[in-house]
Amino acid sequence: MSRKSYPSYLLGALLLSAACLASLALALEHLGAAKLFGCGLESGCARALKSPFAYFLAWPTAFFGLSFFAGLLAAWLTMRARFPSSMLWLVRAGAVGSLLLAAEMFRGGYLCPYCFTVHATNLAFWVLIERRPSADSRALPVFACLFVLISASLWFVEGLAEQRRLADEEKELESLAQPQSSENLREDERFEGRYLQGPENAAIRLVVFTDYQCESCRKVDRELAHLLAVRSDLSLSTKHFPLSSDCNDKVRRLGVNTHPNACSAARAAEAGGLLGGDAGFQRMHDWLFKRGGAFSQGELKAALPSLGFEADTFLQAMQAPQTEAFVQKDIAEALALGLHGTPMIFINGREFRSWSRPGAVKTAVETVAAAELSADFRPPSAYEKFLTDWRIQAPHSLPPPGRDEQRVASSGVEVVLWGDYLEPNTRILDKRLRQALQGVNGASYSYRYFPLETTCNEKLSRTLHPGACLAARAAEAAYRAGGQEALEAMHAFLMESSGRPTRGEIEAKALGLGLGDRFRTYLDSVEVARALQRDIENARAMTVRSIPLLFIAGKLVPRWKLEDASVPEAILAEALSSR
């Protein structure tokens, strides 16, 4: 290879490596082996993985992309960037695929950063290779061999993941068939919605919290409609949880507006019910799902006569205070039940989590029917659900803190928190954990670093808290300069500081702790930087999606923040009592 062509060779390798890594991240998310940072509830990443374009010829698109880019990278490196015309056409075909998928991603409004990385690097590689002469015919066999090898490996791993999912679903079905505690029996207060499909005294009662712009909700609704058509012992009630900041304070606090028309759609369904009872609600419900919850005022007004409504009367009902009150009541109830995403399905008062598999709801209904259980049960509260979500987690063998070379075995309950010193929820949770652990024997607390700043956490898409890396380095430098006592003092200072501590304030605190020049030496040292990087990489290995990330007794605490409830404290007490 000539010196002149080396920069292009290196650039091509970097582009293909980036595409491989992004595809690998999406493949791991699909397998359930990782929870990508920034891919939470109804994020662009989550919606992309649920879209029809998430599969290509019944094969996950992420798997295809990983095999494709890994094959290209191997051929590029092995053949020293000498590609024949056959490979050039393969790259062109891949570029066309990226253009189509990127266009659909923008059209659908789900901007997935990992998908964007794949498509951007793929298109950039295509531009690069078009500018280079082709030569070596051996590149195609190298590509084909690696493509087949990786595809076969992914097929095997997908089989193992499928077995795990089936085992989890089987366990959930078994729990659905178990009698409930009499504490949840409410014969005088049925858990159902305002409008009902099916017989009033059905032996099996389904309640679904939905969002008319949620694609998964639409798929589940089609499955439920089929079940209602073939079973006479089944009823269905629909409640609302629109993922729109227009009417949902929970979504508004997150600073997103995932489904902009979902609130209007929920009010339209309620207006249909107010004017036409069960049948009116159902007609509007079906119309909304057929349109994916999206409509303009003109489109709605034009459709109303065919749906059996007088337009002006309907539009007035849609804006009535009672309609909004019903939607707000459903949102409050969903949050009180610990809703984490839509759809949320209850069968005879028990949540069914494994609804995403085709036919899973049908199997669950048949299981409950065979068990002949009472339908007069209410689901547990959000508090109990949060505790249950922790209980059912598989225990992890957590890595040691980044500063340690070896893990020190502990016979007590380990509480491990990954966080950012400047992130408000991290500060709240850290304070509560330290208070809960005061004077407690048999438990240990370990704080790990995950600063939300690209200066030291380079894989983040953007910086959320400038100065977070400095704060984390300060805590680690205090430990190295003065031991555990100095670390605890610096940790408390950083957590309790108002705003963002400056370097001068941090150094003044260190001086007050008697750390002096040793602290300043460590603050910018390679050892401290490496400790931070180990904590950051360990958090990613533990499938971090958001900060703070809490583990108690080796189990992830999926959710801990609940008004007027002490969820982490209750989990800690339960973990201690079960030792």
Protein backbone atom coordinates (compact mmCIF):
# COMPACT_ATOMS: atom_id res chain seq x y z
CA MET A 1 0.00 0.00 0.00
CA SER A 2 1.33 3.41 -0.94
CA ARG A 3 1.78 6.13 1.63
CA LYS A 4 -0.70 8.25 -0.33
CA SER A 5 -3.50 5.70 0.01
CA TYR A 6 -2.94 4.97 3.72
CA PRO A 7 -5.22 7.81 5.06
CA SER A 8 -8.14 6.48 2.98
CA TYR A 9 -7.41 2.95 4.19
CA LEU A 10 -7.40 4.10 7.82
CA LEU A 11 -10.56 6.19 7.36
CA GLY A 12 -12.39 3.23 5.83
CA ALA A 13 -11.37 1.01 8.73
CA LEU A 14 -12.60 3.58 11.25
CA LEU A 15 -15.95 4.03 9.48
CA LEU A 16 -16.61 0.30 9.27
CA SER A 17 -15.52 -0.20 12.88
CA ALA A 18 -18.01 2.45 14.02
CA ALA A 19 -20.78 0.78 11.98
CA CYS A 20 -19.88 -2.59 13.52
CA LEU A 21 -19.97 -1.23 17.07
CA ALA A 22 -23.30 0.53 16.59
CA SER A 23 -24.80 -2.59 14.99
CA LEU A 24 -23.43 -4.71 17.82
CA ALA A 25 -25.06 -2.42 20.38
CA LEU A 26 -28.44 -2.75 18.65
CA ALA A 27 -28.02 -6.51 18.35
CA LEU A 28 -27.31 -6.80 22.07
CA GLU A 29 -30.37 -4.68 22.84
CA HIS A 30 -32.50 -6.98 20.68
CA LEU A 31 -31.14 -10.05 22.48
CA GLY A 32 -31.83 -8.50 25.88
CA ALA A 33 -28.12 -8.75 26.69
CA ALA A 34 -27.75 -4.98 27.07
CA LYS A 35 -29.87 -1.94 27.80
CA LEU A 36 -28.51 0.86 25.70
CA PHE A 37 -27.97 4.26 27.26
CA GLY A 38 -30.63 6.59 25.90
CA CYS A 39 -32.92 3.76 24.76
CA GLY A 40 -35.55 4.05 27.47
CA LEU A 41 -39.33 4.15 27.30
CA GLU A 42 -40.58 5.18 23.84
CA SER A 43 -37.19 6.63 22.90
CA GLY A 44 -36.18 6.82 19.25
CA CYS A 45 -34.02 3.74 19.76
CA ALA A 46 -36.83 1.72 21.36
CA ARG A 47 -39.30 2.72 18.64
CA ALA A 48 -36.82 1.82 15.90
CA LEU A 49 -36.38 -1.67 17.35
CA LYS A 50 -40.18 -2.11 17.43
CA SER A 51 -40.79 -0.77 13.92
CA PRO A 52 -41.59 -3.01 10.91
CA PHE A 53 -38.14 -2.15 9.55
CA ALA A 54 -36.44 -3.74 12.57
CA TYR A 55 -36.54 -7.00 10.59
CA PHE A 56 -35.28 -7.88 7.11
CA LEU A 57 -36.52 -11.18 5.68
CA ALA A 58 -37.64 -12.24 9.20
CA TRP A 59 -34.09 -11.59 10.49
CA PRO A 60 -33.32 -8.68 12.87
CA THR A 61 -31.90 -5.81 10.85
CA ALA A 62 -29.29 -5.26 13.57
CA PHE A 63 -28.03 -8.83 13.08
CA PHE A 64 -27.86 -8.36 9.32
CA GLY A 65 -26.00 -5.08 9.77
CA LEU A 66 -23.47 -6.58 12.17
CA SER A 67 -22.68 -9.46 9.80
CA PHE A 68 -22.55 -7.12 6.80
CA PHE A 69 -20.21 -4.53 8.31
CA ALA A 70 -17.98 -7.09 10.01
CA GLY A 71 -17.58 -8.85 6.65
CA LEU A 72 -16.75 -5.57 4.92
CA LEU A 73 -14.26 -4.63 7.63
CA ALA A 74 -12.48 -7.99 7.38
CA ALA A 75 -12.27 -7.71 3.58
CA TRP A 76 -11.09 -4.08 3.79
CA LEU A 77 -8.33 -4.88 6.27
CA THR A 78 -7.23 -8.14 4.66
CA MET A 79 -7.19 -6.90 1.08
CA ARG A 80 -5.70 -3.52 2.03
CA ALA A 81 -8.74 -1.65 0.64
CA ARG A 82 -8.55 -3.33 -2.79
CA PHE A 83 -12.19 -4.10 -3.63
CA PRO A 84 -13.40 -5.62 -6.93
CA SER A 85 -16.47 -4.33 -8.75
CA SER A 86 -18.64 -7.05 -7.18
CA MET A 87 -17.84 -5.67 -3.71
CA LEU A 88 -18.45 -2.13 -4.92
CA TRP A 89 -21.96 -3.09 -5.96
CA LEU A 90 -22.48 -4.75 -2.58
CA VAL A 91 -21.49 -1.52 -0.84
CA ARG A 92 -23.82 0.44 -3.13
CA ALA A 93 -26.69 -1.88 -2.23
CA GLY A 94 -25.92 -1.33 1.45
CA ALA A 95 -25.92 2.45 0.90
CA VAL A 96 -29.35 2.26 -0.74
CA GLY A 97 -30.58 0.26 2.26
CA SER A 98 -29.23 2.91 4.63
CA LEU A 99 -30.90 5.70 2.67
CA LEU A 100 -34.27 3.92 2.79
CA LEU A 101 -34.01 3.09 6.50
CA ALA A 102 -32.82 6.60 7.40
CA ALA A 103 -35.69 8.11 5.42
CA GLU A 104 -38.18 5.90 7.26
CA MET A 105 -36.55 6.78 10.57
CA PHE A 106 -36.97 10.51 9.91
CA ARG A 107 -40.48 10.03 8.50
CA GLY A 108 -41.54 8.08 11.57
CA GLY A 109 -39.95 10.61 13.92
CA TYR A 110 -37.85 8.10 15.85
CA LEU A 111 -34.29 9.42 15.76
CA CYS A 112 -32.21 6.53 17.08
CA PRO A 113 -28.56 7.64 17.64
CA TYR A 114 -27.21 4.11 17.17
CA CYS A 115 -29.16 3.68 13.91
CA PHE A 116 -27.99 7.11 12.77
CA THR A 117 -24.37 6.11 13.42
CA VAL A 118 -24.79 2.97 11.33
CA HIS A 119 -26.35 4.78 8.37
CA ALA A 120 -24.04 7.80 8.48
CA THR A 121 -20.86 5.70 8.57
CA ASN A 122 -22.20 3.34 5.90
CA LEU A 123 -22.95 6.20 3.52
CA ALA A 124 -19.60 7.82 4.25
CA PHE A 125 -17.84 4.52 3.45
CA TRP A 126 -19.75 4.29 0.17
CA VAL A 127 -18.58 7.79 -0.80
CA LEU A 128 -15.02 6.82 0.12
CA ILE A 129 -14.96 3.60 -1.89
CA GLU A 130 -16.47 5.23 -4.99
CA ARG A 131 -13.33 7.36 -5.15
CA ARG A 132 -10.95 4.39 -5.09
CA PRO A 133 -9.99 2.01 -7.91
CA SER A 134 -11.01 -1.64 -7.45
CA ALA A 135 -8.59 -4.51 -7.75
CA ASP A 136 -8.43 -7.68 -5.63
CA SER A 137 -11.06 -10.37 -6.34
CA ARG A 138 -10.27 -12.19 -3.08
CA ALA A 139 -12.20 -9.61 -1.07
CA LEU A 140 -15.58 -11.21 -1.82
CA PRO A 141 -14.74 -14.66 -0.34
CA VAL A 142 -13.35 -12.98 2.80
CA PHE A 143 -16.56 -10.99 3.16
CA ALA A 144 -18.76 -14.05 2.54
CA CYS A 145 -16.92 -16.22 5.06
CA LEU A 146 -17.18 -13.72 7.88
CA PHE A 147 -20.78 -12.82 7.00
CA VAL A 148 -21.82 -16.47 7.24
CA LEU A 149 -19.78 -17.09 10.40
CA ILE A 150 -21.24 -14.14 12.30
CA SER A 151 -24.77 -14.83 11.04
CA ALA A 152 -24.53 -18.42 12.25
CA SER A 153 -23.24 -17.26 15.64
CA LEU A 154 -26.08 -14.77 15.97
CA TRP A 155 -28.60 -17.44 14.98
CA PHE A 156 -27.26 -19.67 17.78
CA VAL A 157 -27.30 -16.86 20.35
CA GLU A 158 -30.80 -15.83 19.29
CA GLY A 159 -31.92 -19.41 19.92
CA LEU A 160 -30.55 -19.28 23.45
CA ALA A 161 -32.24 -15.91 24.06
CA GLU A 162 -35.51 -17.34 22.75
CA GLN A 163 -35.26 -20.23 25.20
CA ARG A 164 -34.73 -17.75 28.04
CA ARG A 165 -37.72 -15.68 26.95
CA LEU A 166 -39.90 -18.79 26.76
CA ALA A 167 -38.80 -19.81 30.27
CA ASP A 168 -39.64 -16.35 31.62
CA GLU A 169 -43.04 -16.42 29.93
CA GLU A 170 -43.74 -19.88 31.34
CA LYS A 171 -42.97 -18.63 34.84
CA GLU A 172 -45.31 -15.69 34.35
CA LEU A 173 -48.08 -17.96 33.10
CA GLU A 174 -47.65 -20.14 36.16
CA SER A 175 -47.99 -17.09 38.41
CA LEU A 176 -51.18 -16.03 36.59
CA ALA A 177 -52.72 -19.40 37.43
CA GLN A 178 -51.95 -19.11 41.15
CA PRO A 179 -54.74 -17.95 43.51
CA GLN A 180 -54.35 -14.37 44.69
CA SER A 181 -54.26 -13.23 48.27
CA SER A 182 -57.68 -12.38 49.66
CA GLU A 183 -56.27 -8.93 50.54
CA ASN A 184 -56.64 -7.96 46.86
CA LEU A 185 -60.20 -9.29 46.52
CA ARG A 186 -62.60 -6.40 45.78
CA GLU A 187 -66.02 -7.74 44.89
CA ASP A 188 -67.59 -4.33 45.60
CA GLU A 189 -65.01 -2.34 43.57
CA ARG A 190 -64.30 -3.78 40.17
CA PHE A 191 -61.07 -3.01 38.39
CA GLU A 192 -62.33 -2.04 34.95
CA GLY A 193 -62.83 0.96 32.69
CA ARG A 194 -65.79 3.17 31.97
CA TYR A 195 -66.67 1.33 28.77
CA LEU A 196 -66.80 -2.41 28.27
CA GLN A 197 -66.53 -4.87 25.44
CA GLY A 198 -67.93 -8.30 26.21
CA PRO A 199 -70.24 -9.55 28.98
CA GLU A 200 -70.51 -7.52 32.16
CA ASN A 201 -69.88 -10.51 34.42
CA ALA A 202 -67.17 -12.15 32.34
CA ALA A 203 -65.02 -14.75 34.06
CA ILE A 204 -61.92 -13.18 32.49
CA ARG A 205 -61.54 -9.39 32.62
CA LEU A 206 -58.83 -7.60 30.69
CA VAL A 207 -57.90 -4.01 31.42
CA VAL A 208 -55.45 -2.28 29.09
CA PHE A 209 -53.76 1.09 29.52
CA THR A 210 -53.07 2.28 26.00
CA ASP A 211 -51.89 5.11 23.77
CA TYR A 212 -53.46 5.46 20.33
CA GLN A 213 -50.15 6.47 18.76
CA CYS A 214 -48.30 3.49 20.24
CA GLU A 215 -47.59 0.87 17.57
CA SER A 216 -47.30 -1.95 20.12
CA CYS A 217 -50.68 -0.93 21.54
CA ARG A 218 -52.23 -1.21 18.09
CA LYS A 219 -50.81 -4.71 17.60
CA VAL A 220 -52.11 -5.86 20.98
CA ASP A 221 -55.51 -4.33 20.24
CA ARG A 222 -55.81 -6.43 17.08
CA GLU A 223 -55.01 -9.57 19.07
CA LEU A 224 -57.55 -8.67 21.75
CA ALA A 225 -60.23 -7.96 19.13
CA HIS A 226 -59.77 -11.48 17.77
CA LEU A 227 -60.04 -12.98 21.26
CA LEU A 228 -63.25 -11.07 21.95
CA ALA A 229 -64.72 -12.38 18.71
CA VAL A 230 -64.14 -16.04 19.62
CA ARG A 231 -64.61 -16.09 23.41
CA SER A 232 -67.82 -15.46 25.34
CA ASP A 233 -66.16 -15.43 28.77
CA LEU A 234 -63.96 -12.42 28.13
CA SER A 235 -64.43 -8.68 28.63
CA LEU A 236 -62.10 -5.78 27.82
CA SER A 237 -61.85 -2.29 29.28
CA THR A 238 -59.59 0.37 27.81
CA LYS A 239 -57.92 3.10 29.86
CA HIS A 240 -55.65 5.89 28.67
CA PHE A 241 -52.01 6.73 29.20
CA PRO A 242 -51.10 9.11 26.36
CA LEU A 243 -47.35 9.65 26.03
CA SER A 244 -47.83 13.32 25.29
CA SER A 245 -46.80 16.35 27.28
CA ASP A 246 -50.08 18.06 26.34
CA CYS A 247 -51.99 16.27 29.11
CA ASN A 248 -49.52 13.97 30.87
CA ASP A 249 -47.45 15.67 33.57
CA LYS A 250 -45.18 12.63 33.86
CA VAL A 251 -44.18 12.94 30.20
CA ARG A 252 -43.91 16.73 30.50
CA ARG A 253 -41.39 16.39 33.34
CA LEU A 254 -39.28 14.14 31.12
CA GLY A 255 -39.03 16.99 28.62
CA VAL A 256 -40.36 14.97 25.67
CA ASN A 257 -43.52 14.81 23.59
CA THR A 258 -43.27 11.34 22.11
CA HIS A 259 -46.81 11.11 20.72
CA PRO A 260 -48.00 14.67 20.05
CA ASN A 261 -51.60 13.74 19.17
CA ALA A 262 -52.15 11.06 21.83
CA CYS A 263 -54.02 13.36 24.24
CA SER A 264 -56.41 14.50 21.52
CA ALA A 265 -56.97 10.88 20.54
CA ALA A 266 -57.75 9.90 24.15
CA ARG A 267 -60.24 12.77 24.44
CA ALA A 268 -61.85 11.72 21.14
CA ALA A 269 -62.37 8.18 22.44
CA GLU A 270 -63.90 9.53 25.65
CA ALA A 271 -66.18 11.86 23.69
CA GLY A 272 -67.35 8.85 21.70
CA GLY A 273 -68.19 7.08 24.95
CA LEU A 274 -69.98 10.08 26.43
CA LEU A 275 -72.20 10.41 23.38
CA GLY A 276 -72.63 6.79 22.36
CA GLY A 277 -71.89 4.60 25.39
CA ASP A 278 -69.92 1.35 24.95
CA ALA A 279 -70.70 1.17 21.23
CA GLY A 280 -69.77 4.81 20.61
CA PHE A 281 -66.50 4.43 22.46
CA GLN A 282 -65.65 1.32 20.46
CA ARG A 283 -66.38 2.92 17.09
CA MET A 284 -64.07 5.82 17.87
CA HIS A 285 -61.50 3.49 19.44
CA ASP A 286 -61.30 1.40 16.25
CA TRP A 287 -61.11 4.48 14.01
CA LEU A 288 -58.28 5.93 16.08
CA PHE A 289 -56.18 2.79 16.00
CA LYS A 290 -56.67 2.39 12.25
CA ARG A 291 -55.11 5.84 11.84
CA GLY A 292 -52.39 5.31 14.41
CA GLY A 293 -53.94 8.03 16.57
CA ALA A 294 -52.99 10.75 14.07
CA PHE A 295 -55.61 13.08 12.65
CA SER A 296 -56.26 16.72 11.92
CA GLN A 297 -59.34 18.62 13.02
CA GLY A 298 -60.63 18.51 9.45
CA GLU A 299 -60.07 14.78 9.09
CA LEU A 300 -61.86 14.07 12.37
CA LYS A 301 -64.80 16.32 11.47
CA ALA A 302 -65.16 14.66 8.07
CA ALA A 303 -65.19 11.16 9.59
CA LEU A 304 -67.69 11.83 12.40
CA PRO A 305 -70.95 11.40 10.42
CA SER A 306 -69.89 7.94 9.20
CA LEU A 307 -69.10 7.03 12.80
CA GLY A 308 -72.58 8.01 13.94
CA PHE A 309 -71.79 11.38 15.55
CA GLU A 310 -72.95 14.91 14.86
CA ALA A 311 -69.76 16.89 14.31
CA ASP A 312 -70.36 20.03 16.40
CA THR A 313 -71.81 18.07 19.33
CA PHE A 314 -68.86 15.67 19.27
CA LEU A 315 -66.24 18.42 19.15
CA GLN A 316 -67.88 20.15 22.11
CA ALA A 317 -67.88 16.88 24.08
CA MET A 318 -64.24 16.32 23.17
CA GLN A 319 -63.29 19.64 24.80
CA ALA A 320 -65.60 19.25 27.80
CA PRO A 321 -64.02 19.33 31.29
CA GLN A 322 -65.49 15.88 32.03
CA THR A 323 -63.63 14.35 29.09
CA GLU A 324 -60.30 15.76 30.26
CA ALA A 325 -61.06 14.63 33.83
CA PHE A 326 -61.56 11.04 32.66
CA VAL A 327 -58.22 11.04 30.83
CA GLN A 328 -56.46 12.54 33.86
CA LYS A 329 -58.07 9.93 36.12
CA ASP A 330 -56.68 7.13 33.96
CA ILE A 331 -53.20 8.67 33.91
CA ALA A 332 -53.19 9.00 37.71
CA GLU A 333 -54.38 5.42 38.11
CA ALA A 334 -51.71 4.10 35.74
CA LEU A 335 -48.98 5.87 37.70
CA ALA A 336 -50.43 4.57 40.98
CA LEU A 337 -50.15 1.05 39.52
CA GLY A 338 -46.52 1.61 38.55
CA LEU A 339 -46.93 1.86 34.79
CA HIS A 340 -43.61 1.80 32.98
CA GLY A 341 -44.76 1.72 29.37
CA THR A 342 -47.70 1.09 27.08
CA PRO A 343 -49.51 -1.14 26.63
CA MET A 344 -49.93 -2.24 30.24
CA ILE A 345 -52.20 -5.29 30.40
CA PHE A 346 -54.03 -6.75 33.38
CA ILE A 347 -55.82 -10.12 33.36
CA ASN A 348 -58.13 -10.54 36.34
CA GLY A 349 -56.20 -7.88 38.20
CA ARG A 350 -52.73 -9.27 37.48
CA GLU A 351 -50.27 -7.57 35.19
CA PHE A 352 -49.15 -9.61 32.18
CA ARG A 353 -45.69 -8.46 31.11
CA SER A 354 -44.95 -10.92 28.29
CA TRP A 355 -47.53 -9.50 25.86
CA SER A 356 -45.04 -8.67 23.10
CA ARG A 357 -44.72 -12.22 21.77
CA PRO A 358 -47.33 -13.02 19.07
CA GLY A 359 -50.07 -15.13 20.63
CA ALA A 360 -48.85 -14.56 24.17
CA VAL A 361 -52.03 -12.80 25.33
CA LYS A 362 -54.16 -15.64 23.91
CA THR A 363 -52.08 -18.19 25.83
CA ALA A 364 -52.35 -16.13 29.03
CA VAL A 365 -56.14 -15.87 28.71
CA GLU A 366 -56.42 -19.63 28.17
CA THR A 367 -54.22 -20.23 31.23
CA VAL A 368 -56.37 -18.01 33.44
CA ALA A 369 -59.57 -19.58 32.08
CA ALA A 370 -58.32 -23.07 32.90
CA ALA A 371 -57.42 -22.01 36.46
CA GLU A 372 -61.01 -20.76 37.09
CA LEU A 373 -59.87 -17.90 39.32
CA SER A 374 -62.03 -15.04 40.54
CA ALA A 375 -62.06 -11.95 38.34
CA ASP A 376 -62.75 -9.62 41.28
CA PHE A 377 -59.18 -8.69 42.07
CA ARG A 378 -57.47 -5.34 41.96
CA PRO A 379 -53.79 -5.10 41.02
CA PRO A 380 -51.22 -4.19 43.67
CA SER A 381 -50.08 -0.60 44.13
CA ALA A 382 -47.09 0.97 42.43
CA TYR A 383 -45.17 0.58 45.68
CA GLU A 384 -45.71 -3.18 45.72
CA LYS A 385 -45.02 -3.38 41.99
CA PHE A 386 -41.68 -1.59 42.39
CA LEU A 387 -40.70 -4.09 45.07
CA THR A 388 -41.83 -7.00 42.91
CA ASP A 389 -39.85 -5.65 39.95
CA TRP A 390 -36.73 -5.85 42.13
CA ARG A 391 -37.58 -9.30 43.50
CA ILE A 392 -37.87 -10.90 40.06
CA GLN A 393 -34.51 -9.56 38.87
CA ALA A 394 -31.73 -12.07 38.30
CA PRO A 395 -28.83 -11.47 40.72
CA HIS A 396 -25.60 -10.15 39.21
CA SER A 397 -22.03 -10.65 40.25
CA LEU A 398 -21.11 -6.98 40.41
CA PRO A 399 -17.62 -5.83 39.44
CA PRO A 400 -15.43 -4.12 42.06
CA PRO A 401 -14.98 -0.35 42.19
CA GLY A 402 -12.68 0.99 39.51
CA ARG A 403 -9.95 1.67 42.06
CA ASP A 404 -9.71 -1.99 43.14
CA GLU A 405 -7.67 -4.64 41.39
CA GLN A 406 -9.60 -7.54 42.89
CA ARG A 407 -13.10 -7.97 44.19
CA VAL A 408 -13.35 -8.26 47.99
CA ALA A 409 -15.95 -10.83 48.97
CA SER A 410 -18.72 -9.55 51.21
CA SER A 411 -21.00 -11.64 53.39
CA GLY A 412 -23.50 -8.80 53.85
CA VAL A 413 -25.94 -6.97 51.62
CA GLU A 414 -24.14 -4.87 49.02
CA VAL A 415 -25.68 -1.59 47.93
CA VAL A 416 -24.03 -0.27 44.77
CA LEU A 417 -24.93 3.01 43.11
CA TRP A 418 -23.57 4.35 39.82
CA GLY A 419 -24.20 8.06 39.56
CA ASP A 420 -23.15 11.57 38.63
CA TYR A 421 -22.31 14.01 41.43
CA LEU A 422 -24.15 16.82 39.64
CA GLU A 423 -27.29 14.85 38.70
CA PRO A 424 -30.24 15.74 40.99
CA ASN A 425 -31.69 12.23 41.34
CA THR A 426 -28.26 10.81 42.15
CA ARG A 427 -27.96 13.32 44.99
CA ILE A 428 -31.43 12.48 46.31
CA LEU A 429 -30.88 8.73 46.19
CA ASP A 430 -27.38 8.87 47.66
CA LYS A 431 -28.65 10.88 50.63
CA ARG A 432 -31.49 8.44 51.27
CA LEU A 433 -29.21 5.42 51.03
CA ARG A 434 -26.62 6.88 53.40
CA GLN A 435 -29.36 7.71 55.90
CA ALA A 436 -30.91 4.24 55.62
CA LEU A 437 -27.54 2.56 56.17
CA GLN A 438 -26.54 4.55 59.26
CA GLY A 439 -26.00 2.16 62.14
CA VAL A 440 -26.97 -0.87 60.05
CA ASN A 441 -24.83 -3.96 60.42
CA GLY A 442 -24.52 -6.46 57.61
CA ALA A 443 -24.68 -4.00 54.73
CA SER A 444 -22.14 -2.02 52.72
CA TYR A 445 -22.49 0.95 50.38
CA SER A 446 -20.34 1.57 47.31
CA TYR A 447 -20.68 4.61 45.07
CA ARG A 448 -19.37 4.27 41.50
CA TYR A 449 -18.69 6.99 38.94
CA PHE A 450 -20.70 7.58 35.76
CA PRO A 451 -20.30 11.30 34.96
CA LEU A 452 -22.69 12.51 32.28
CA GLU A 453 -19.96 14.50 30.55
CA THR A 454 -18.15 13.55 27.36
CA THR A 455 -14.78 14.79 28.68
CA CYS A 456 -14.28 11.47 30.48
CA ASN A 457 -17.36 9.51 29.32
CA GLU A 458 -16.66 9.63 25.62
CA LYS A 459 -19.42 7.28 24.43
CA LEU A 460 -22.14 9.69 25.52
CA SER A 461 -23.85 11.50 22.66
CA ARG A 462 -23.68 14.82 24.53
CA THR A 463 -22.69 16.41 27.84
CA LEU A 464 -25.50 16.82 30.34
CA HIS A 465 -23.55 18.03 33.37
CA PRO A 466 -20.38 20.04 32.67
CA GLY A 467 -17.99 19.58 35.57
CA ALA A 468 -19.18 16.07 36.43
CA CYS A 469 -15.83 14.54 35.43
CA LEU A 470 -13.95 16.98 37.69
CA ALA A 471 -16.24 16.07 40.60
CA ALA A 472 -15.67 12.34 40.08
CA ARG A 473 -11.90 12.84 39.82
CA ALA A 474 -11.99 14.88 43.04
CA ALA A 475 -13.65 12.05 44.97
CA GLU A 476 -11.18 9.49 43.65
CA ALA A 477 -8.20 11.78 44.27
CA ALA A 478 -9.37 12.30 47.87
CA TYR A 479 -9.43 8.52 48.38
CA ARG A 480 -5.92 8.08 47.02
CA ALA A 481 -4.55 11.03 48.98
CA GLY A 482 -6.28 10.37 52.30
CA GLY A 483 -8.04 7.01 52.29
CA GLN A 484 -11.66 6.08 52.99
CA GLU A 485 -12.28 8.84 55.53
CA ALA A 486 -11.15 11.54 53.09
CA LEU A 487 -13.27 9.97 50.34
CA GLU A 488 -16.39 10.05 52.51
CA ALA A 489 -15.80 13.70 53.41
CA MET A 490 -15.22 14.74 49.78
CA HIS A 491 -18.17 12.62 48.64
CA ALA A 492 -20.50 14.38 51.09
CA PHE A 493 -19.17 17.78 50.04
CA LEU A 494 -19.77 17.08 46.35
CA MET A 495 -23.25 15.63 46.91
CA GLU A 496 -24.36 18.47 49.16
CA SER A 497 -22.88 21.37 47.20
CA SER A 498 -25.36 23.76 45.69
CA GLY A 499 -24.76 23.93 41.97
CA ARG A 500 -21.46 22.90 40.41
CA PRO A 501 -18.33 23.02 42.59
CA THR A 502 -15.42 24.80 40.92
CA ARG A 503 -11.87 23.49 40.92
CA GLY A 504 -10.91 26.19 43.40
CA GLU A 505 -13.70 25.17 45.78
CA ILE A 506 -12.72 21.51 45.48
CA GLU A 507 -9.04 22.24 46.16
CA ALA A 508 -10.02 24.40 49.14
CA LYS A 509 -12.06 21.50 50.55
CA ALA A 510 -9.13 19.15 50.02
CA LEU A 511 -6.84 21.59 51.82
CA GLY A 512 -9.28 21.71 54.73
CA LEU A 513 -9.13 17.90 54.88
CA GLY A 514 -5.35 18.08 55.16
CA LEU A 515 -4.72 16.50 51.74
CA GLY A 516 -2.62 19.34 50.30
CA ASP A 517 -0.29 18.71 47.36
CA ARG A 518 -1.02 14.98 47.26
CA PHE A 519 -4.59 15.74 46.26
CA ARG A 520 -3.59 18.10 43.44
CA THR A 521 -1.11 15.52 42.14
CA TYR A 522 -3.76 12.81 42.02
CA LEU A 523 -6.54 15.03 40.68
CA ASP A 524 -5.15 15.01 37.13
CA SER A 525 -3.28 11.71 37.39
CA VAL A 526 -3.51 8.75 35.04
CA GLU A 527 -4.42 6.45 37.97
CA VAL A 528 -7.53 8.47 38.79
CA ALA A 529 -8.56 8.68 35.13
CA ARG A 530 -8.22 4.91 34.81
CA ALA A 531 -10.35 4.33 37.91
CA LEU A 532 -13.10 6.49 36.41
CA GLN A 533 -12.92 4.64 33.11
CA ARG A 534 -13.23 1.26 34.83
CA ASP A 535 -16.34 2.42 36.68
CA ILE A 536 -17.83 3.81 33.46
CA GLU A 537 -17.13 0.64 31.49
CA ASN A 538 -18.48 -1.52 34.32
CA ALA A 539 -21.69 0.49 34.31
CA ARG A 540 -22.06 -0.08 30.60
CA ALA A 541 -21.46 -3.79 31.13
CA MET A 542 -24.29 -3.72 33.68
CA THR A 543 -26.60 -2.40 30.92
CA VAL A 544 -26.89 1.17 32.21
CA ARG A 545 -29.79 3.05 30.64
CA SER A 546 -30.02 6.00 32.93
CA ILE A 547 -28.47 7.47 36.03
CA PRO A 548 -28.70 6.74 38.92
CA LEU A 549 -28.23 2.98 38.50
CA LEU A 550 -28.89 1.10 41.75
CA PHE A 551 -28.23 -2.50 42.76
CA ILE A 552 -29.22 -3.99 46.12
CA ALA A 553 -28.08 -7.51 46.99
CA GLY A 554 -26.85 -7.94 43.42
CA LYS A 555 -30.25 -7.17 41.91
CA LEU A 556 -31.07 -4.15 39.79
CA VAL A 557 -33.63 -1.78 41.28
CA PRO A 558 -35.51 -0.83 38.08
CA ARG A 559 -37.47 2.00 39.69
CA TRP A 560 -37.14 3.63 43.07
CA LYS A 561 -38.66 7.12 42.86
CA LEU A 562 -42.25 7.16 44.10
CA GLU A 563 -43.96 10.01 45.91
CA ASP A 564 -44.62 9.41 49.61
CA ALA A 565 -43.01 5.95 49.45
CA SER A 566 -39.65 4.62 50.63
CA VAL A 567 -38.91 2.07 47.92
CA PRO A 568 -35.08 1.76 48.26
CA GLU A 569 -35.38 1.65 52.05
CA ALA A 570 -38.01 -1.11 51.89
CA ILE A 571 -35.92 -3.15 49.45
CA LEU A 572 -32.87 -2.79 51.69
CA ALA A 573 -34.87 -3.91 54.73
CA GLU A 574 -36.18 -6.93 52.83
CA ALA A 575 -32.71 -7.84 51.59
CA LEU A 576 -31.33 -7.62 55.15
CA SER A 577 -34.16 -9.73 56.60
CA SER A 578 -33.66 -12.47 54.02
CA ARG A 579 -29.94 -12.92 54.71
